[in-house]
């Protein structure tokens, strides 16, 4: 996978779950890593309190990371909200909040990061397997927001390619986190939808993100990579 020594990264929503695992992996590979958090401040590293629903806070976090480390190489758009339910329960307020956090924030962060990045920059967004396959009712809004990341990533890849900056999206499947525990009420059903018959671990998602962030990702851009245990096959 190679070293990330000398690189500076920002992981949004990096205080827990998949985001924390990504931050830990990038740090282990030698990168200097900043994370954003909303409520729970991580114990270690450079942490920035930022609500991804606030567009100014998102841009400020990118700029603070660049100033703090003196450079900016890797952006991981991980922060997201998970609002699912029947259509009649998902109105304008839920729509606006989901799109603000899951779509607008990654777009603005990528836009801000591109101003700081040099040749070799990496933009990696965390999508979802339900952008590819929605197995249950209630996912219309969340699936829409994560599908938007795929289109955004393709556009970023084309626009930023001449600058040597890559853009990719990683779509995790069922992953054992506080929000979707492997022993939750629907866990057996969800597990049965995967080809491997199990939940993923946050560290397994982080491995793929780290590969894209390093030399292994140098010729990968505009890609949508499913890391879902065969959920979408």
C-alpha atoms as a PDB file:
ATOM      1  CA  UNK A   1       0.000   0.000   0.000  1.00  0.00           C
ATOM      2  CA  UNK A   2       2.910   2.320   0.651  1.00  0.00           C
ATOM      3  CA  UNK A   3       3.615   5.089   3.087  1.00  0.00           C
ATOM      4  CA  UNK A   4       1.625   8.296   3.413  1.00  0.00           C
ATOM      5  CA  UNK A   5       4.459  10.028   5.265  1.00  0.00           C
ATOM      6  CA  UNK A   6       4.479  13.752   4.653  1.00  0.00           C
ATOM      7  CA  UNK A   7       0.841  13.815   3.556  1.00  0.00           C
ATOM      8  CA  UNK A   8      -1.899  15.819   5.277  1.00  0.00           C
ATOM      9  CA  UNK A   9      -5.470  14.579   5.412  1.00  0.00           C
ATOM     10  CA  UNK A  10      -8.908  15.610   6.635  1.00  0.00           C
ATOM     11  CA  UNK A  11     -11.548  13.013   7.499  1.00  0.00           C
ATOM     12  CA  UNK A  12     -14.976  14.519   8.091  1.00  0.00           C
ATOM     13  CA  UNK A  13     -17.017  12.785  10.766  1.00  0.00           C
ATOM     14  CA  UNK A  14     -13.871  11.110  11.998  1.00  0.00           C
ATOM     15  CA  UNK A  15     -14.730  10.666  15.662  1.00  0.00           C
ATOM     16  CA  UNK A  16     -16.360   7.237  15.449  1.00  0.00           C
ATOM     17  CA  UNK A  17     -17.271   4.302  13.241  1.00  0.00           C
ATOM     18  CA  UNK A  18     -15.919   4.162   9.710  1.00  0.00           C
ATOM     19  CA  UNK A  19     -14.514   7.685   9.922  1.00  0.00           C
ATOM     20  CA  UNK A  20     -12.470   6.899  13.030  1.00  0.00           C
ATOM     21  CA  UNK A  21     -11.124   3.727  11.418  1.00  0.00           C
ATOM     22  CA  UNK A  22     -10.076   5.687   8.330  1.00  0.00           C
ATOM     23  CA  UNK A  23      -8.350   8.335  10.408  1.00  0.00           C
ATOM     24  CA  UNK A  24      -6.531   5.644  12.383  1.00  0.00           C
ATOM     25  CA  UNK A  25      -5.370   3.857   9.226  1.00  0.00           C
ATOM     26  CA  UNK A  26      -4.133   7.005   7.503  1.00  0.00           C
ATOM     27  CA  UNK A  27      -2.261   7.947  10.662  1.00  0.00           C
ATOM     28  CA  UNK A  28      -0.700   4.483  10.883  1.00  0.00           C
ATOM     29  CA  UNK A  29       0.588   4.931   7.342  1.00  0.00           C
ATOM     30  CA  UNK A  30       2.325   8.144   8.323  1.00  0.00           C
ATOM     31  CA  UNK A  31      -0.138  10.860   7.345  1.00  0.00           C
ATOM     32  CA  UNK A  32      -0.941  13.854   9.508  1.00  0.00           C
ATOM     33  CA  UNK A  33      -4.689  13.623  10.006  1.00  0.00           C
ATOM     34  CA  UNK A  34      -7.344  16.091  11.053  1.00  0.00           C
ATOM     35  CA  UNK A  35     -10.931  15.056  11.755  1.00  0.00           C
ATOM     36  CA  UNK A  36     -14.175  16.929  12.117  1.00  0.00           C
ATOM     37  CA  UNK A  37     -16.669  16.059  14.794  1.00  0.00           C
ATOM     38  CA  UNK A  38     -20.036  17.404  15.847  1.00  0.00           C
ATOM     39  CA  UNK A  39     -20.558  16.281  19.443  1.00  0.00           C
ATOM     40  CA  UNK A  40     -17.910  13.807  20.607  1.00  0.00           C
ATOM     41  CA  UNK A  41     -14.360  15.111  20.395  1.00  0.00           C
ATOM     42  CA  UNK A  42     -11.727  12.424  19.725  1.00  0.00           C
ATOM     43  CA  UNK A  43      -9.017  11.980  22.314  1.00  0.00           C
ATOM     44  CA  UNK A  44      -6.125  12.182  19.869  1.00  0.00           C
ATOM     45  CA  UNK A  45      -5.076  14.202  16.850  1.00  0.00           C
ATOM     46  CA  UNK A  46      -6.169  17.520  15.408  1.00  0.00           C
ATOM     47  CA  UNK A  47      -9.946  17.697  15.834  1.00  0.00           C
ATOM     48  CA  UNK A  48     -12.193  20.439  14.461  1.00  0.00           C
ATOM     49  CA  UNK A  49     -15.745  20.875  15.684  1.00  0.00           C
ATOM     50  CA  UNK A  50     -17.856  21.385  12.589  1.00  0.00           C
ATOM     51  CA  UNK A  51     -21.471  20.671  11.745  1.00  0.00           C
ATOM     52  CA  UNK A  52     -21.558  19.462   8.151  1.00  0.00           C
ATOM     53  CA  UNK A  53     -25.001  21.041   7.773  1.00  0.00           C
ATOM     54  CA  UNK A  54     -23.247  24.415   8.074  1.00  0.00           C
ATOM     55  CA  UNK A  55     -21.598  25.241   4.727  1.00  0.00           C
ATOM     56  CA  UNK A  56     -19.248  27.787   6.273  1.00  0.00           C
ATOM     57  CA  UNK A  57     -18.048  25.296   8.875  1.00  0.00           C
ATOM     58  CA  UNK A  58     -17.241  22.722   6.202  1.00  0.00           C
ATOM     59  CA  UNK A  59     -15.078  25.117   4.206  1.00  0.00           C
ATOM     60  CA  UNK A  60     -13.432  26.451   7.363  1.00  0.00           C
ATOM     61  CA  UNK A  61     -12.436  22.911   8.405  1.00  0.00           C
ATOM     62  CA  UNK A  62     -10.639  22.394   5.103  1.00  0.00           C
ATOM     63  CA  UNK A  63      -8.837  25.718   5.390  1.00  0.00           C
ATOM     64  CA  UNK A  64      -7.894  25.089   9.035  1.00  0.00           C
ATOM     65  CA  UNK A  65      -6.424  21.713   8.102  1.00  0.00           C
ATOM     66  CA  UNK A  66      -4.312  23.273   5.370  1.00  0.00           C
ATOM     67  CA  UNK A  67      -3.035  26.011   7.672  1.00  0.00           C
ATOM     68  CA  UNK A  68      -2.361  23.630  10.572  1.00  0.00           C
ATOM     69  CA  UNK A  69      -0.319  21.157   8.529  1.00  0.00           C
ATOM     70  CA  UNK A  70       1.039  23.564   5.937  1.00  0.00           C
ATOM     71  CA  UNK A  71      -0.378  21.459   3.108  1.00  0.00           C
ATOM     72  CA  UNK A  72      -3.454  19.462   2.093  1.00  0.00           C
ATOM     73  CA  UNK A  73      -3.277  16.158   0.237  1.00  0.00           C
ATOM     74  CA  UNK A  74      -6.210  13.895   1.127  1.00  0.00           C
ATOM     75  CA  UNK A  75      -9.867  14.684   1.727  1.00  0.00           C
ATOM     76  CA  UNK A  76     -12.186  11.945   2.956  1.00  0.00           C
ATOM     77  CA  UNK A  77     -15.826  13.008   2.861  1.00  0.00           C
ATOM     78  CA  UNK A  78     -17.238  10.658   5.484  1.00  0.00           C
ATOM     79  CA  UNK A  79     -19.689  12.688   7.610  1.00  0.00           C
ATOM     80  CA  UNK A  80     -23.299  11.832   6.827  1.00  0.00           C
ATOM     81  CA  UNK A  81     -26.803  11.586   8.216  1.00  0.00           C
ATOM     82  CA  UNK A  82     -28.962   8.495   7.877  1.00  0.00           C
ATOM     83  CA  UNK A  83     -32.610   9.413   7.548  1.00  0.00           C
ATOM     84  CA  UNK A  84     -34.831   6.599   6.345  1.00  0.00           C
ATOM     85  CA  UNK A  85     -38.530   5.901   6.612  1.00  0.00           C
ATOM     86  CA  UNK A  86     -41.811   6.009   4.728  1.00  0.00           C
ATOM     87  CA  UNK A  87     -42.232   8.796   2.195  1.00  0.00           C
ATOM     88  CA  UNK A  88     -44.937  10.449   4.267  1.00  0.00           C
ATOM     89  CA  UNK A  89     -42.423  10.880   7.104  1.00  0.00           C
ATOM     90  CA  UNK A  90     -39.686  12.376   4.930  1.00  0.00           C
ATOM     91  CA  UNK A  91     -40.696  15.911   4.118  1.00  0.00           C
ATOM     92  CA  UNK A  92     -38.963  19.092   3.053  1.00  0.00           C
ATOM     93  CA  UNK A  93     -37.062  19.503   6.329  1.00  0.00           C
ATOM     94  CA  UNK A  94     -35.627  15.977   6.197  1.00  0.00           C
ATOM     95  CA  UNK A  95     -34.801  16.363   2.513  1.00  0.00           C
ATOM     96  CA  UNK A  96     -32.973  19.646   3.002  1.00  0.00           C
ATOM     97  CA  UNK A  97     -30.989  18.383   5.986  1.00  0.00           C
ATOM     98  CA  UNK A  98     -29.973  15.131   4.284  1.00  0.00           C
ATOM     99  CA  UNK A  99     -28.874  16.880   1.113  1.00  0.00           C
ATOM    100  CA  UNK A 100     -27.032  19.565   3.082  1.00  0.00           C
ATOM    101  CA  UNK A 101     -24.924  17.039   4.983  1.00  0.00           C
ATOM    102  CA  UNK A 102     -24.614  14.190   2.477  1.00  0.00           C
ATOM    103  CA  UNK A 103     -24.256  16.153  -0.772  1.00  0.00           C
ATOM    104  CA  UNK A 104     -23.632  19.867  -0.281  1.00  0.00           C
ATOM    105  CA  UNK A 105     -20.950  19.381   2.379  1.00  0.00           C
ATOM    106  CA  UNK A 106     -18.862  16.934   0.293  1.00  0.00           C
ATOM    107  CA  UNK A 107     -19.163  19.229  -2.728  1.00  0.00           C
ATOM    108  CA  UNK A 108     -18.063  22.326  -0.821  1.00  0.00           C
ATOM    109  CA  UNK A 109     -15.279  20.434   0.946  1.00  0.00           C
ATOM    110  CA  UNK A 110     -13.974  19.100  -2.374  1.00  0.00           C
ATOM    111  CA  UNK A 111     -14.170  22.557  -3.909  1.00  0.00           C
ATOM    112  CA  UNK A 112     -12.231  24.060  -1.013  1.00  0.00           C
ATOM    113  CA  UNK A 113      -9.703  21.218  -0.885  1.00  0.00           C
ATOM    114  CA  UNK A 114      -8.916  21.498  -4.585  1.00  0.00           C
ATOM    115  CA  UNK A 115      -7.627  25.024  -3.989  1.00  0.00           C
ATOM    116  CA  UNK A 116      -5.018  23.671  -1.580  1.00  0.00           C
ATOM    117  CA  UNK A 117      -4.087  20.401  -3.286  1.00  0.00           C
ATOM    118  CA  UNK A 118      -1.166  19.825  -5.585  1.00  0.00           C
ATOM    119  CA  UNK A 119      -0.464  17.065  -8.075  1.00  0.00           C
ATOM    120  CA  UNK A 120      -1.195  13.806  -6.270  1.00  0.00           C
ATOM    121  CA  UNK A 121      -4.178  15.106  -4.302  1.00  0.00           C
ATOM    122  CA  UNK A 122      -6.917  12.645  -3.388  1.00  0.00           C
ATOM    123  CA  UNK A 123     -10.638  13.222  -2.841  1.00  0.00           C
ATOM    124  CA  UNK A 124     -12.454  10.156  -1.508  1.00  0.00           C
ATOM    125  CA  UNK A 125     -16.142  10.214  -0.626  1.00  0.00           C
ATOM    126  CA  UNK A 126     -17.885   7.562   1.442  1.00  0.00           C
ATOM    127  CA  UNK A 127     -21.102   6.557  -0.294  1.00  0.00           C
ATOM    128  CA  UNK A 128     -23.295   3.555   0.400  1.00  0.00           C
ATOM    129  CA  UNK A 129     -24.275   0.235  -1.109  1.00  0.00           C
ATOM    130  CA  UNK A 130     -27.874   1.484  -1.236  1.00  0.00           C
ATOM    131  CA  UNK A 131     -26.831   3.892  -3.971  1.00  0.00           C
ATOM    132  CA  UNK A 132     -26.526   0.737  -6.086  1.00  0.00           C
ATOM    133  CA  UNK A 133     -29.214  -1.494  -4.597  1.00  0.00           C
ATOM    134  CA  UNK A 134     -31.968  -0.544  -2.151  1.00  0.00           C
ATOM    135  CA  UNK A 135     -33.331  -3.811  -0.708  1.00  0.00           C
ATOM    136  CA  UNK A 136     -35.907  -2.350   1.661  1.00  0.00           C
ATOM    137  CA  UNK A 137     -38.599   0.339   1.520  1.00  0.00           C
ATOM    138  CA  UNK A 138     -37.778   3.661   3.149  1.00  0.00           C
ATOM    139  CA  UNK A 139     -34.447   4.408   1.479  1.00  0.00           C
ATOM    140  CA  UNK A 140     -35.579   6.853  -1.221  1.00  0.00           C
ATOM    141  CA  UNK A 141     -34.039   9.934   0.391  1.00  0.00           C
ATOM    142  CA  UNK A 142     -30.846   8.379   1.709  1.00  0.00           C
ATOM    143  CA  UNK A 143     -30.242   6.473  -1.541  1.00  0.00           C
ATOM    144  CA  UNK A 144     -30.743   9.679  -3.531  1.00  0.00           C
ATOM    145  CA  UNK A 145     -28.139  11.500  -1.470  1.00  0.00           C
ATOM    146  CA  UNK A 146     -25.551   8.751  -1.819  1.00  0.00           C
ATOM    147  CA  UNK A 147     -26.235   8.294  -5.535  1.00  0.00           C
ATOM    148  CA  UNK A 148     -25.515  11.997  -5.967  1.00  0.00           C
ATOM    149  CA  UNK A 149     -21.979  11.379  -4.695  1.00  0.00           C
ATOM    150  CA  UNK A 150     -21.343   9.042  -7.616  1.00  0.00           C
ATOM    151  CA  UNK A 151     -22.254  11.712 -10.155  1.00  0.00           C
ATOM    152  CA  UNK A 152     -20.316  14.352  -8.256  1.00  0.00           C
ATOM    153  CA  UNK A 153     -17.246  12.138  -8.164  1.00  0.00           C
ATOM    154  CA  UNK A 154     -17.308  11.576 -11.912  1.00  0.00           C
ATOM    155  CA  UNK A 155     -17.523  15.308 -12.497  1.00  0.00           C
ATOM    156  CA  UNK A 156     -14.702  16.041 -10.055  1.00  0.00           C
ATOM    157  CA  UNK A 157     -12.507  13.393 -11.646  1.00  0.00           C
ATOM    158  CA  UNK A 158     -12.896  14.944 -15.084  1.00  0.00           C
ATOM    159  CA  UNK A 159     -12.386  18.512 -13.900  1.00  0.00           C
ATOM    160  CA  UNK A 160      -9.486  17.912 -11.524  1.00  0.00           C
ATOM    161  CA  UNK A 161      -7.693  15.235 -13.535  1.00  0.00           C
ATOM    162  CA  UNK A 162      -5.523  17.744 -15.417  1.00  0.00           C
ATOM    163  CA  UNK A 163      -4.252  18.950 -12.029  1.00  0.00           C
ATOM    164  CA  UNK A 164      -3.234  15.431 -11.016  1.00  0.00           C
ATOM    165  CA  UNK A 165      -6.018  15.191  -8.407  1.00  0.00           C
ATOM    166  CA  UNK A 166      -8.096  12.016  -8.276  1.00  0.00           C
ATOM    167  CA  UNK A 167     -11.669  11.625  -7.034  1.00  0.00           C
ATOM    168  CA  UNK A 168     -13.339   8.355  -6.103  1.00  0.00           C
ATOM    169  CA  UNK A 169     -16.271   7.104  -4.053  1.00  0.00           C
ATOM    170  CA  UNK A 170     -16.260   4.051  -1.778  1.00  0.00           C
ATOM    171  CA  UNK A 171     -19.632   2.388  -1.131  1.00  0.00           C
ATOM    172  CA  UNK A 172     -19.599   0.402   2.115  1.00  0.00           C
ATOM    173  CA  UNK A 173     -22.109  -2.356   2.667  1.00  0.00           C
ATOM    174  CA  UNK A 174     -23.435  -3.396   6.074  1.00  0.00           C
ATOM    175  CA  UNK A 175     -20.670  -2.436   8.482  1.00  0.00           C
ATOM    176  CA  UNK A 176     -20.579  -3.164  12.194  1.00  0.00           C
ATOM    177  CA  UNK A 177     -20.847   0.270  13.816  1.00  0.00           C
ATOM    178  CA  UNK A 178     -22.908   1.846  16.586  1.00  0.00           C
ATOM    179  CA  UNK A 179     -25.485   2.944  14.016  1.00  0.00           C
ATOM    180  CA  UNK A 180     -25.732  -0.465  12.341  1.00  0.00           C
ATOM    181  CA  UNK A 181     -24.545  -3.127  14.785  1.00  0.00           C
ATOM    182  CA  UNK A 182     -23.983  -6.671  13.627  1.00  0.00           C
ATOM    183  CA  UNK A 183     -26.273  -7.831  16.441  1.00  0.00           C
ATOM    184  CA  UNK A 184     -29.085  -5.387  15.635  1.00  0.00           C
ATOM    185  CA  UNK A 185     -32.758  -6.369  15.186  1.00  0.00           C
ATOM    186  CA  UNK A 186     -32.478  -6.897  11.406  1.00  0.00           C
ATOM    187  CA  UNK A 187     -28.892  -8.119  11.399  1.00  0.00           C
ATOM    188  CA  UNK A 188     -29.623 -11.673  10.307  1.00  0.00           C
ATOM    189  CA  UNK A 189     -31.682 -10.494   7.336  1.00  0.00           C
ATOM    190  CA  UNK A 190     -29.062  -7.950   6.307  1.00  0.00           C
ATOM    191  CA  UNK A 191     -26.248 -10.454   6.737  1.00  0.00           C
ATOM    192  CA  UNK A 192     -28.113 -12.867   4.501  1.00  0.00           C
ATOM    193  CA  UNK A 193     -28.135 -10.337   1.661  1.00  0.00           C
ATOM    194  CA  UNK A 194     -24.350 -10.369   1.420  1.00  0.00           C
ATOM    195  CA  UNK A 195     -22.431 -12.963  -0.562  1.00  0.00           C
ATOM    196  CA  UNK A 196     -19.976 -13.399   2.309  1.00  0.00           C
ATOM    197  CA  UNK A 197     -22.710 -13.814   4.888  1.00  0.00           C
ATOM    198  CA  UNK A 198     -21.339 -11.302   7.357  1.00  0.00           C
ATOM    199  CA  UNK A 199     -21.053  -7.651   8.273  1.00  0.00           C
ATOM    200  CA  UNK A 200     -17.917  -5.762   7.373  1.00  0.00           C
ATOM    201  CA  UNK A 201     -15.638  -4.109   9.893  1.00  0.00           C
ATOM    202  CA  UNK A 202     -14.792  -0.388   9.771  1.00  0.00           C
ATOM    203  CA  UNK A 203     -11.122  -1.310   9.377  1.00  0.00           C
ATOM    204  CA  UNK A 204     -11.945  -3.155   6.148  1.00  0.00           C
ATOM    205  CA  UNK A 205     -13.475  -0.009   4.662  1.00  0.00           C
ATOM    206  CA  UNK A 206     -10.459   1.959   5.849  1.00  0.00           C
ATOM    207  CA  UNK A 207      -8.084  -0.375   4.011  1.00  0.00           C
ATOM    208  CA  UNK A 208      -9.709   0.449   0.671  1.00  0.00           C
ATOM    209  CA  UNK A 209      -9.738   4.171   1.403  1.00  0.00           C
ATOM    210  CA  UNK A 210      -6.062   4.053   2.359  1.00  0.00           C
ATOM    211  CA  UNK A 211      -5.198   2.261  -0.877  1.00  0.00           C
ATOM    212  CA  UNK A 212      -6.939   4.976  -2.897  1.00  0.00           C
ATOM    213  CA  UNK A 213      -5.153   7.628  -0.847  1.00  0.00           C
ATOM    214  CA  UNK A 214      -1.744   6.180  -1.613  1.00  0.00           C
ATOM    215  CA  UNK A 215       0.262   5.085  -4.618  1.00  0.00           C
ATOM    216  CA  UNK A 216      -2.204   2.295  -5.388  1.00  0.00           C
ATOM    217  CA  UNK A 217      -4.776   4.952  -6.235  1.00  0.00           C
ATOM    218  CA  UNK A 218      -2.623   7.002  -8.570  1.00  0.00           C
ATOM    219  CA  UNK A 219      -4.370   5.785 -11.749  1.00  0.00           C
ATOM    220  CA  UNK A 220      -7.845   5.325 -10.273  1.00  0.00           C
ATOM    221  CA  UNK A 221     -10.261   8.221 -10.656  1.00  0.00           C
ATOM    222  CA  UNK A 222     -13.976   8.645 -11.185  1.00  0.00           C
ATOM    223  CA  UNK A 223     -14.512   5.160  -9.784  1.00  0.00           C
ATOM    224  CA  UNK A 224     -17.324   3.899  -7.587  1.00  0.00           C
ATOM    225  CA  UNK A 225     -15.994   0.982  -5.546  1.00  0.00           C
ATOM    226  CA  UNK A 226     -18.363  -1.304  -3.653  1.00  0.00           C
ATOM    227  CA  UNK A 227     -16.909  -2.642  -0.405  1.00  0.00           C
ATOM    228  CA  UNK A 228     -19.992  -4.534   0.646  1.00  0.00           C
ATOM    229  CA  UNK A 229     -19.272  -8.239   0.971  1.00  0.00           C
ATOM    230  CA  UNK A 230     -21.123  -8.922  -2.243  1.00  0.00           C
ATOM    231  CA  UNK A 231     -24.319  -7.142  -1.212  1.00  0.00           C
ATOM    232  CA  UNK A 232     -24.725  -5.674  -4.683  1.00  0.00           C
ATOM    233  CA  UNK A 233     -23.687  -8.622  -6.872  1.00  0.00           C
END
